[in-house]
Amino acid sequence: MQIVFCDDESNYLSTIQQAITRWASETGHTDCVFTQVFQSSEDLLEAWENGMSIDLLFLDIQIPGELSGMEVAKIIHGKDEYIPIVFITNYSEYAYEGYSVNALRYLRKPILYNDLVICLEITWRQWVNNQDQFLSLSTANQSIHVPVRSIIYAESIAHTIRIASSDEIRTYEIRCSLEYLEKSLPNSCFVRCHKSYIVSLRHIRKYKKGVITVSSGIEIPVGRKYIHSFTSQFRLYYQGSI
């Protein structure tokens, strides 16, 4: 997991790196966690545009004489909306704007270790779930092999399951039960929200009044029977606690 920090204060960056090293050691993730730091938002943006991977980005909102963290976030999320971004600053008036670009968290300086850990734990869980996994299903006369991270939702229609995907094929269909499919998907990032639907937590963009909006723009109902289990898993995935 590649963690990137951008802040113009070198001492602060060193302290944060030490905190991440501590967390990685305590959780046994040392071999899988890497950090990279920048004091220039423009150097960060250039590195990312030249292929640097980012699995979690901490951005100082104000970097004197350079693109603001908010501007960088808008550029990055314009091309990859899935990169988790945490804003760090001394200025609380930027909080609302930070949430408007779908920030994972907004943290005040100095960052408390426990607050940092929450961000790391959420992102680690998402990172593990989004590694290259495939859903392989076979029935008497057909089989499918689908990248798990591309699955947006699955819908049961009569005796057919329609799987909506973000990849180039877009839609897969297979004859099986929704219960069978549910057991085949990782329950840490997929949730049953209705008698006819399973949805990917990764692809949820909005949840309001019993209706989920996913990344493709489709609205999916949340059945009364599933509200509690859905909201619990939704909060766990995005907030780190139930």
C-alpha atoms as a PDB file:
ATOM      1  CA  MET A   1       0.000   0.000   0.000  1.00  0.00           C
ATOM      2  CA  GLN A   2       1.546   3.289  -1.131  1.00  0.00           C
ATOM      3  CA  ILE A   3       0.928   6.196   1.268  1.00  0.00           C
ATOM      4  CA  VAL A   4       1.814   9.684   0.024  1.00  0.00           C
ATOM      5  CA  PHE A   5       2.121  12.844   2.129  1.00  0.00           C
ATOM      6  CA  CYS A   6       2.375  16.405   0.891  1.00  0.00           C
ATOM      7  CA  ASP A   7       3.217  19.155   3.376  1.00  0.00           C
ATOM      8  CA  ASP A   8       5.697  22.025   3.239  1.00  0.00           C
ATOM      9  CA  GLU A   9       6.966  21.371   6.798  1.00  0.00           C
ATOM     10  CA  SER A  10       9.803  18.809   6.711  1.00  0.00           C
ATOM     11  CA  ASN A  11       9.764  18.168  10.483  1.00  0.00           C
ATOM     12  CA  TYR A  12       6.057  17.417  10.340  1.00  0.00           C
ATOM     13  CA  LEU A  13       6.562  14.966   7.468  1.00  0.00           C
ATOM     14  CA  SER A  14       9.233  13.130   9.448  1.00  0.00           C
ATOM     15  CA  THR A  15       6.926  12.800  12.461  1.00  0.00           C
ATOM     16  CA  ILE A  16       4.120  11.398  10.313  1.00  0.00           C
ATOM     17  CA  GLN A  17       6.446   8.877   8.659  1.00  0.00           C
ATOM     18  CA  GLN A  18       7.500   7.650  12.089  1.00  0.00           C
ATOM     19  CA  ALA A  19       3.843   7.248  13.105  1.00  0.00           C
ATOM     20  CA  ILE A  20       3.071   5.207   9.982  1.00  0.00           C
ATOM     21  CA  THR A  21       6.124   3.017  10.605  1.00  0.00           C
ATOM     22  CA  ARG A  22       4.864   2.424  14.141  1.00  0.00           C
ATOM     23  CA  TRP A  23       1.392   1.433  12.902  1.00  0.00           C
ATOM     24  CA  ALA A  24       2.810  -0.866  10.224  1.00  0.00           C
ATOM     25  CA  SER A  25       5.008  -2.576  12.824  1.00  0.00           C
ATOM     26  CA  GLU A  26       2.159  -2.963  15.332  1.00  0.00           C
ATOM     27  CA  THR A  27      -0.157  -4.484  12.714  1.00  0.00           C
ATOM     28  CA  GLY A  28       2.400  -6.654  10.935  1.00  0.00           C
ATOM     29  CA  HIS A  29       2.075  -4.759   7.648  1.00  0.00           C
ATOM     30  CA  THR A  30       5.685  -3.565   7.420  1.00  0.00           C
ATOM     31  CA  ASP A  31       6.426  -5.459   4.202  1.00  0.00           C
ATOM     32  CA  CYS A  32       3.328  -4.061   2.445  1.00  0.00           C
ATOM     33  CA  VAL A  33       3.316  -0.398   3.477  1.00  0.00           C
ATOM     34  CA  PHE A  34       5.449   2.237   1.753  1.00  0.00           C
ATOM     35  CA  THR A  35       5.550   5.997   2.192  1.00  0.00           C
ATOM     36  CA  GLN A  36       6.588   8.842  -0.048  1.00  0.00           C
ATOM     37  CA  VAL A  37       6.683  12.491   0.963  1.00  0.00           C
ATOM     38  CA  PHE A  38       6.595  15.770  -0.937  1.00  0.00           C
ATOM     39  CA  GLN A  39       7.037  19.355   0.187  1.00  0.00           C
ATOM     40  CA  SER A  40       5.719  20.632  -3.149  1.00  0.00           C
ATOM     41  CA  SER A  41       2.165  19.995  -4.352  1.00  0.00           C
ATOM     42  CA  GLU A  42       3.319  20.522  -7.945  1.00  0.00           C
ATOM     43  CA  ASP A  43       6.099  17.925  -7.584  1.00  0.00           C
ATOM     44  CA  LEU A  44       3.508  15.510  -6.188  1.00  0.00           C
ATOM     45  CA  LEU A  45       1.159  16.116  -9.094  1.00  0.00           C
ATOM     46  CA  GLU A  46       3.960  15.672 -11.624  1.00  0.00           C
ATOM     47  CA  ALA A  47       5.044  12.375 -10.026  1.00  0.00           C
ATOM     48  CA  TRP A  48       1.470  11.079 -10.046  1.00  0.00           C
ATOM     49  CA  GLU A  49       0.921  12.103 -13.674  1.00  0.00           C
ATOM     50  CA  ASN A  50       4.126  10.223 -14.533  1.00  0.00           C
ATOM     51  CA  GLY A  51       2.830   6.989 -13.042  1.00  0.00           C
ATOM     52  CA  MET A  52       3.385   7.105  -9.280  1.00  0.00           C
ATOM     53  CA  SER A  53       0.728   4.985  -7.572  1.00  0.00           C
ATOM     54  CA  ILE A  54      -1.224   6.342  -4.606  1.00  0.00           C
ATOM     55  CA  ASP A  55      -3.371   4.225  -2.292  1.00  0.00           C
ATOM     56  CA  LEU A  56      -3.800   6.909   0.396  1.00  0.00           C
ATOM     57  CA  LEU A  57      -3.010  10.603   0.033  1.00  0.00           C
ATOM     58  CA  PHE A  58      -2.554  13.101   2.874  1.00  0.00           C
ATOM     59  CA  LEU A  59      -2.691  16.662   1.562  1.00  0.00           C
ATOM     60  CA  ASP A  60      -1.993  19.925   3.320  1.00  0.00           C
ATOM     61  CA  ILE A  61      -4.618  22.321   1.984  1.00  0.00           C
ATOM     62  CA  GLN A  62      -2.352  25.367   2.034  1.00  0.00           C
ATOM     63  CA  ILE A  63       1.152  25.206   0.517  1.00  0.00           C
ATOM     64  CA  PRO A  64       2.524  28.751   0.003  1.00  0.00           C
ATOM     65  CA  GLY A  65       3.248  29.702  -3.606  1.00  0.00           C
ATOM     66  CA  GLU A  66       1.956  26.426  -5.053  1.00  0.00           C
ATOM     67  CA  LEU A  67      -1.258  24.714  -6.086  1.00  0.00           C
ATOM     68  CA  SER A  68      -3.440  24.268  -3.018  1.00  0.00           C
ATOM     69  CA  GLY A  69      -4.175  20.796  -1.728  1.00  0.00           C
ATOM     70  CA  MET A  70      -7.798  21.311  -2.763  1.00  0.00           C
ATOM     71  CA  GLU A  71      -6.775  22.066  -6.361  1.00  0.00           C
ATOM     72  CA  VAL A  72      -4.541  18.996  -6.454  1.00  0.00           C
ATOM     73  CA  ALA A  73      -7.348  16.835  -5.040  1.00  0.00           C
ATOM     74  CA  LYS A  74      -9.767  18.029  -7.727  1.00  0.00           C
ATOM     75  CA  ILE A  75      -7.251  17.226 -10.476  1.00  0.00           C
ATOM     76  CA  ILE A  76      -6.512  13.756  -9.088  1.00  0.00           C
ATOM     77  CA  HIS A  77     -10.150  12.860  -8.415  1.00  0.00           C
ATOM     78  CA  GLY A  78     -11.028  14.105 -11.888  1.00  0.00           C
ATOM     79  CA  LYS A  79      -9.007  11.177 -13.249  1.00  0.00           C
ATOM     80  CA  ASP A  80      -9.265   8.652 -10.406  1.00  0.00           C
ATOM     81  CA  GLU A  81     -12.113   9.185  -7.971  1.00  0.00           C
ATOM     82  CA  TYR A  82     -11.174   6.095  -5.944  1.00  0.00           C
ATOM     83  CA  ILE A  83      -7.967   7.446  -4.381  1.00  0.00           C
ATOM     84  CA  PRO A  84      -8.690   8.142  -0.674  1.00  0.00           C
ATOM     85  CA  ILE A  85      -7.654  11.673   0.286  1.00  0.00           C
ATOM     86  CA  VAL A  86      -7.202  13.035   3.805  1.00  0.00           C
ATOM     87  CA  PHE A  87      -6.853  16.807   4.177  1.00  0.00           C
ATOM     88  CA  ILE A  88      -4.594  18.160   6.892  1.00  0.00           C
ATOM     89  CA  THR A  89      -4.553  21.822   7.905  1.00  0.00           C
ATOM     90  CA  ASN A  90      -4.788  24.339  10.708  1.00  0.00           C
ATOM     91  CA  TYR A  91      -7.759  26.081   9.116  1.00  0.00           C
ATOM     92  CA  SER A  92     -11.181  24.647   9.953  1.00  0.00           C
ATOM     93  CA  GLU A  93     -12.948  26.851   7.395  1.00  0.00           C
ATOM     94  CA  TYR A  94     -11.763  24.497   4.645  1.00  0.00           C
ATOM     95  CA  ALA A  95     -13.569  21.471   6.068  1.00  0.00           C
ATOM     96  CA  TYR A  96     -16.754  21.853   4.052  1.00  0.00           C
ATOM     97  CA  GLU A  97     -14.900  22.247   0.760  1.00  0.00           C
ATOM     98  CA  GLY A  98     -12.803  19.212   1.647  1.00  0.00           C
ATOM     99  CA  TYR A  99     -15.878  17.049   2.006  1.00  0.00           C
ATOM    100  CA  SER A 100     -17.210  18.387  -1.295  1.00  0.00           C
ATOM    101  CA  VAL A 101     -14.444  16.507  -3.120  1.00  0.00           C
ATOM    102  CA  ASN A 102     -15.267  13.299  -1.236  1.00  0.00           C
ATOM    103  CA  ALA A 103     -12.402  13.456   1.260  1.00  0.00           C
ATOM    104  CA  LEU A 104     -11.958  10.396   3.462  1.00  0.00           C
ATOM    105  CA  ARG A 105     -11.203  12.573   6.480  1.00  0.00           C
ATOM    106  CA  TYR A 106     -10.413  16.157   7.472  1.00  0.00           C
ATOM    107  CA  LEU A 107      -7.752  16.309  10.207  1.00  0.00           C
ATOM    108  CA  ARG A 108      -6.461  19.273  12.185  1.00  0.00           C
ATOM    109  CA  LYS A 109      -2.768  19.699  12.967  1.00  0.00           C
ATOM    110  CA  PRO A 110      -1.117  18.263  14.920  1.00  0.00           C
ATOM    111  CA  ILE A 111      -2.613  14.916  13.870  1.00  0.00           C
ATOM    112  CA  LEU A 112      -3.282  12.607  16.801  1.00  0.00           C
ATOM    113  CA  TYR A 113      -1.918   9.087  16.395  1.00  0.00           C
ATOM    114  CA  ASN A 114      -5.328   7.488  16.930  1.00  0.00           C
ATOM    115  CA  ASP A 115      -6.877   9.678  14.211  1.00  0.00           C
ATOM    116  CA  LEU A 116      -4.099   8.677  11.833  1.00  0.00           C
ATOM    117  CA  VAL A 117      -4.647   5.011  12.643  1.00  0.00           C
ATOM    118  CA  ILE A 118      -8.350   5.260  11.762  1.00  0.00           C
ATOM    119  CA  CYS A 119      -7.451   6.526   8.269  1.00  0.00           C
ATOM    120  CA  LEU A 120      -4.820   3.834   7.836  1.00  0.00           C
ATOM    121  CA  GLU A 121      -7.126   1.030   8.975  1.00  0.00           C
ATOM    122  CA  ILE A 122      -9.952   2.105   6.654  1.00  0.00           C
ATOM    123  CA  THR A 123      -7.624   2.368   3.675  1.00  0.00           C
ATOM    124  CA  TRP A 124      -5.819  -0.890   4.469  1.00  0.00           C
ATOM    125  CA  ARG A 125      -9.109  -2.776   4.527  1.00  0.00           C
ATOM    126  CA  GLN A 126     -10.174  -1.237   1.215  1.00  0.00           C
ATOM    127  CA  TRP A 127      -6.748  -1.840  -0.329  1.00  0.00           C
ATOM    128  CA  VAL A 128      -6.774  -5.531   0.614  1.00  0.00           C
ATOM    129  CA  ASN A 129     -10.298  -5.935  -0.715  1.00  0.00           C
ATOM    130  CA  ASN A 130      -9.405  -4.256  -3.999  1.00  0.00           C
ATOM    131  CA  GLN A 131      -6.409  -6.371  -4.875  1.00  0.00           C
ATOM    132  CA  ASP A 132      -6.679  -8.460  -8.013  1.00  0.00           C
ATOM    133  CA  GLN A 133      -9.497 -10.850  -7.181  1.00  0.00           C
ATOM    134  CA  PHE A 134     -11.828 -12.534  -9.629  1.00  0.00           C
ATOM    135  CA  LEU A 135     -15.323 -13.899  -9.294  1.00  0.00           C
ATOM    136  CA  SER A 136     -15.552 -17.244 -11.066  1.00  0.00           C
ATOM    137  CA  LEU A 137     -18.995 -18.831 -11.366  1.00  0.00           C
ATOM    138  CA  SER A 138     -20.024 -21.892 -13.347  1.00  0.00           C
ATOM    139  CA  THR A 139     -23.378 -23.486 -14.018  1.00  0.00           C
ATOM    140  CA  ALA A 140     -24.376 -26.440 -16.175  1.00  0.00           C
ATOM    141  CA  ASN A 141     -23.974 -24.556 -19.448  1.00  0.00           C
ATOM    142  CA  GLN A 142     -21.948 -21.399 -18.778  1.00  0.00           C
ATOM    143  CA  SER A 143     -19.201 -19.784 -16.736  1.00  0.00           C
ATOM    144  CA  ILE A 144     -17.990 -16.242 -16.049  1.00  0.00           C
ATOM    145  CA  HIS A 145     -14.729 -14.758 -14.770  1.00  0.00           C
ATOM    146  CA  VAL A 146     -15.172 -11.174 -13.537  1.00  0.00           C
ATOM    147  CA  PRO A 147     -12.737  -8.786 -11.780  1.00  0.00           C
ATOM    148  CA  VAL A 148     -14.250  -8.258  -8.328  1.00  0.00           C
ATOM    149  CA  ARG A 149     -13.259  -4.594  -8.139  1.00  0.00           C
ATOM    150  CA  SER A 150     -15.229  -3.844 -11.317  1.00  0.00           C
ATOM    151  CA  ILE A 151     -18.538  -5.242 -10.002  1.00  0.00           C
ATOM    152  CA  ILE A 152     -20.970  -2.414  -9.207  1.00  0.00           C
ATOM    153  CA  TYR A 153     -24.027  -4.437  -8.220  1.00  0.00           C
ATOM    154  CA  ALA A 154     -25.881  -7.651  -8.945  1.00  0.00           C
ATOM    155  CA  GLU A 155     -29.612  -7.905  -9.582  1.00  0.00           C
ATOM    156  CA  SER A 156     -31.812 -10.991  -9.457  1.00  0.00           C
ATOM    157  CA  ILE A 157     -34.344 -11.157 -12.293  1.00  0.00           C
ATOM    158  CA  ALA A 158     -36.437 -14.323 -12.285  1.00  0.00           C
ATOM    159  CA  HIS A 159     -33.823 -17.116 -12.317  1.00  0.00           C
ATOM    160  CA  THR A 160     -31.060 -14.964 -13.789  1.00  0.00           C
ATOM    161  CA  ILE A 161     -28.450 -12.821 -12.053  1.00  0.00           C
ATOM    162  CA  ARG A 162     -27.416  -9.689 -13.923  1.00  0.00           C
ATOM    163  CA  ILE A 163     -24.029  -8.369 -12.810  1.00  0.00           C
ATOM    164  CA  ALA A 164     -23.366  -4.730 -13.659  1.00  0.00           C
ATOM    165  CA  SER A 165     -19.674  -4.001 -14.117  1.00  0.00           C
ATOM    166  CA  SER A 166     -17.475  -0.972 -14.730  1.00  0.00           C
ATOM    167  CA  ASP A 167     -15.268  -2.868 -17.192  1.00  0.00           C
ATOM    168  CA  GLU A 168     -15.633  -2.914 -20.955  1.00  0.00           C
ATOM    169  CA  ILE A 169     -18.177  -5.746 -20.991  1.00  0.00           C
ATOM    170  CA  ARG A 170     -20.507  -3.793 -18.683  1.00  0.00           C
ATOM    171  CA  THR A 171     -23.036  -6.569 -17.974  1.00  0.00           C
ATOM    172  CA  TYR A 172     -22.759 -10.293 -17.260  1.00  0.00           C
ATOM    173  CA  GLU A 173     -25.665 -12.707 -16.890  1.00  0.00           C
ATOM    174  CA  ILE A 174     -25.644 -16.117 -15.259  1.00  0.00           C
ATOM    175  CA  ARG A 175     -28.324 -18.500 -14.025  1.00  0.00           C
ATOM    176  CA  CYS A 176     -27.897 -18.934 -10.274  1.00  0.00           C
ATOM    177  CA  SER A 177     -29.446 -17.672  -7.053  1.00  0.00           C
ATOM    178  CA  LEU A 178     -28.563 -14.387  -5.393  1.00  0.00           C
ATOM    179  CA  GLU A 179     -27.786 -16.362  -2.235  1.00  0.00           C
ATOM    180  CA  TYR A 180     -25.195 -18.412  -4.142  1.00  0.00           C
ATOM    181  CA  LEU A 181     -23.594 -15.282  -5.545  1.00  0.00           C
ATOM    182  CA  GLU A 182     -23.558 -13.620  -2.126  1.00  0.00           C
ATOM    183  CA  LYS A 183     -21.510 -16.494  -0.698  1.00  0.00           C
ATOM    184  CA  SER A 184     -19.048 -16.163  -3.594  1.00  0.00           C
ATOM    185  CA  LEU A 185     -18.297 -12.458  -3.011  1.00  0.00           C
ATOM    186  CA  PRO A 186     -16.127 -11.005  -0.198  1.00  0.00           C
ATOM    187  CA  ASN A 187     -18.561  -9.823   2.483  1.00  0.00           C
ATOM    188  CA  SER A 188     -16.177  -7.056   3.554  1.00  0.00           C
ATOM    189  CA  CYS A 189     -16.948  -5.039   0.428  1.00  0.00           C
ATOM    190  CA  PHE A 190     -20.278  -6.417  -0.855  1.00  0.00           C
ATOM    191  CA  VAL A 191     -23.569  -6.179   0.968  1.00  0.00           C
ATOM    192  CA  ARG A 192     -27.097  -7.462   0.429  1.00  0.00           C
ATOM    193  CA  CYS A 193     -29.345  -4.407   0.480  1.00  0.00           C
ATOM    194  CA  HIS A 194     -32.579  -5.834  -0.944  1.00  0.00           C
ATOM    195  CA  LYS A 195     -34.120  -9.200  -1.733  1.00  0.00           C
ATOM    196  CA  SER A 196     -33.130  -8.613  -5.353  1.00  0.00           C
ATOM    197  CA  TYR A 197     -29.818  -6.725  -5.014  1.00  0.00           C
ATOM    198  CA  ILE A 198     -26.238  -7.035  -3.816  1.00  0.00           C
ATOM    199  CA  VAL A 199     -24.163  -3.854  -4.064  1.00  0.00           C
ATOM    200  CA  SER A 200     -20.436  -3.092  -3.940  1.00  0.00           C
ATOM    201  CA  LEU A 201     -19.595  -0.720  -1.097  1.00  0.00           C
ATOM    202  CA  ARG A 202     -16.707   0.579  -3.206  1.00  0.00           C
ATOM    203  CA  HIS A 203     -19.112   1.845  -5.873  1.00  0.00           C
ATOM    204  CA  ILE A 204     -21.659   3.567  -3.619  1.00  0.00           C
ATOM    205  CA  ARG A 205     -21.729   7.306  -4.222  1.00  0.00           C
ATOM    206  CA  LYS A 206     -24.744   8.332  -2.137  1.00  0.00           C
ATOM    207  CA  TYR A 207     -27.167   6.815   0.345  1.00  0.00           C
ATOM    208  CA  LYS A 208     -30.301   8.696   1.316  1.00  0.00           C
ATOM    209  CA  LYS A 209     -33.779   7.712   2.490  1.00  0.00           C
ATOM    210  CA  GLY A 210     -33.518   4.047   1.577  1.00  0.00           C
ATOM    211  CA  VAL A 211     -31.986   4.596  -1.857  1.00  0.00           C
ATOM    212  CA  ILE A 212     -28.380   3.937  -2.922  1.00  0.00           C
ATOM    213  CA  THR A 213     -26.840   5.736  -5.890  1.00  0.00           C
ATOM    214  CA  VAL A 214     -23.906   3.820  -7.395  1.00  0.00           C
ATOM    215  CA  SER A 215     -21.022   4.986  -9.582  1.00  0.00           C
ATOM    216  CA  SER A 216     -22.919   4.271 -12.800  1.00  0.00           C
ATOM    217  CA  GLY A 217     -25.720   6.607 -11.681  1.00  0.00           C
ATOM    218  CA  ILE A 218     -28.245   3.821 -11.100  1.00  0.00           C
ATOM    219  CA  GLU A 219     -30.448   4.041  -8.004  1.00  0.00           C
ATOM    220  CA  ILE A 220     -30.901   0.855  -5.961  1.00  0.00           C
ATOM    221  CA  PRO A 221     -33.498   0.414  -3.194  1.00  0.00           C
ATOM    222  CA  VAL A 222     -32.635  -0.703   0.332  1.00  0.00           C
ATOM    223  CA  GLY A 223     -35.255  -3.095   1.648  1.00  0.00           C
ATOM    224  CA  ARG A 224     -36.597  -2.595   5.163  1.00  0.00           C
ATOM    225  CA  LYS A 225     -35.334  -6.052   6.169  1.00  0.00           C
ATOM    226  CA  TYR A 226     -31.767  -5.128   5.167  1.00  0.00           C
ATOM    227  CA  ILE A 227     -31.465  -1.537   6.449  1.00  0.00           C
ATOM    228  CA  HIS A 228     -29.628  -2.371   9.684  1.00  0.00           C
ATOM    229  CA  SER A 229     -27.098  -4.781   8.170  1.00  0.00           C
ATOM    230  CA  PHE A 230     -26.508  -2.487   5.196  1.00  0.00           C
ATOM    231  CA  THR A 231     -25.920   0.666   7.244  1.00  0.00           C
ATOM    232  CA  SER A 232     -23.609  -1.228   9.622  1.00  0.00           C
ATOM    233  CA  GLN A 233     -21.401  -2.497   6.798  1.00  0.00           C
ATOM    234  CA  PHE A 234     -21.526   0.872   5.031  1.00  0.00           C
ATOM    235  CA  ARG A 235     -20.266   2.669   8.145  1.00  0.00           C
ATOM    236  CA  LEU A 236     -17.601   0.057   8.786  1.00  0.00           C
ATOM    237  CA  TYR A 237     -16.258   0.350   5.236  1.00  0.00           C
ATOM    238  CA  TYR A 238     -16.174   4.148   5.083  1.00  0.00           C
ATOM    239  CA  GLN A 239     -15.780   5.213   8.707  1.00  0.00           C
ATOM    240  CA  GLY A 240     -13.907   2.363  10.365  1.00  0.00           C
ATOM    241  CA  SER A 241     -16.522   1.708  13.066  1.00  0.00           C
ATOM    242  CA  ILE A 242     -20.111   0.563  13.393  1.00  0.00           C
END
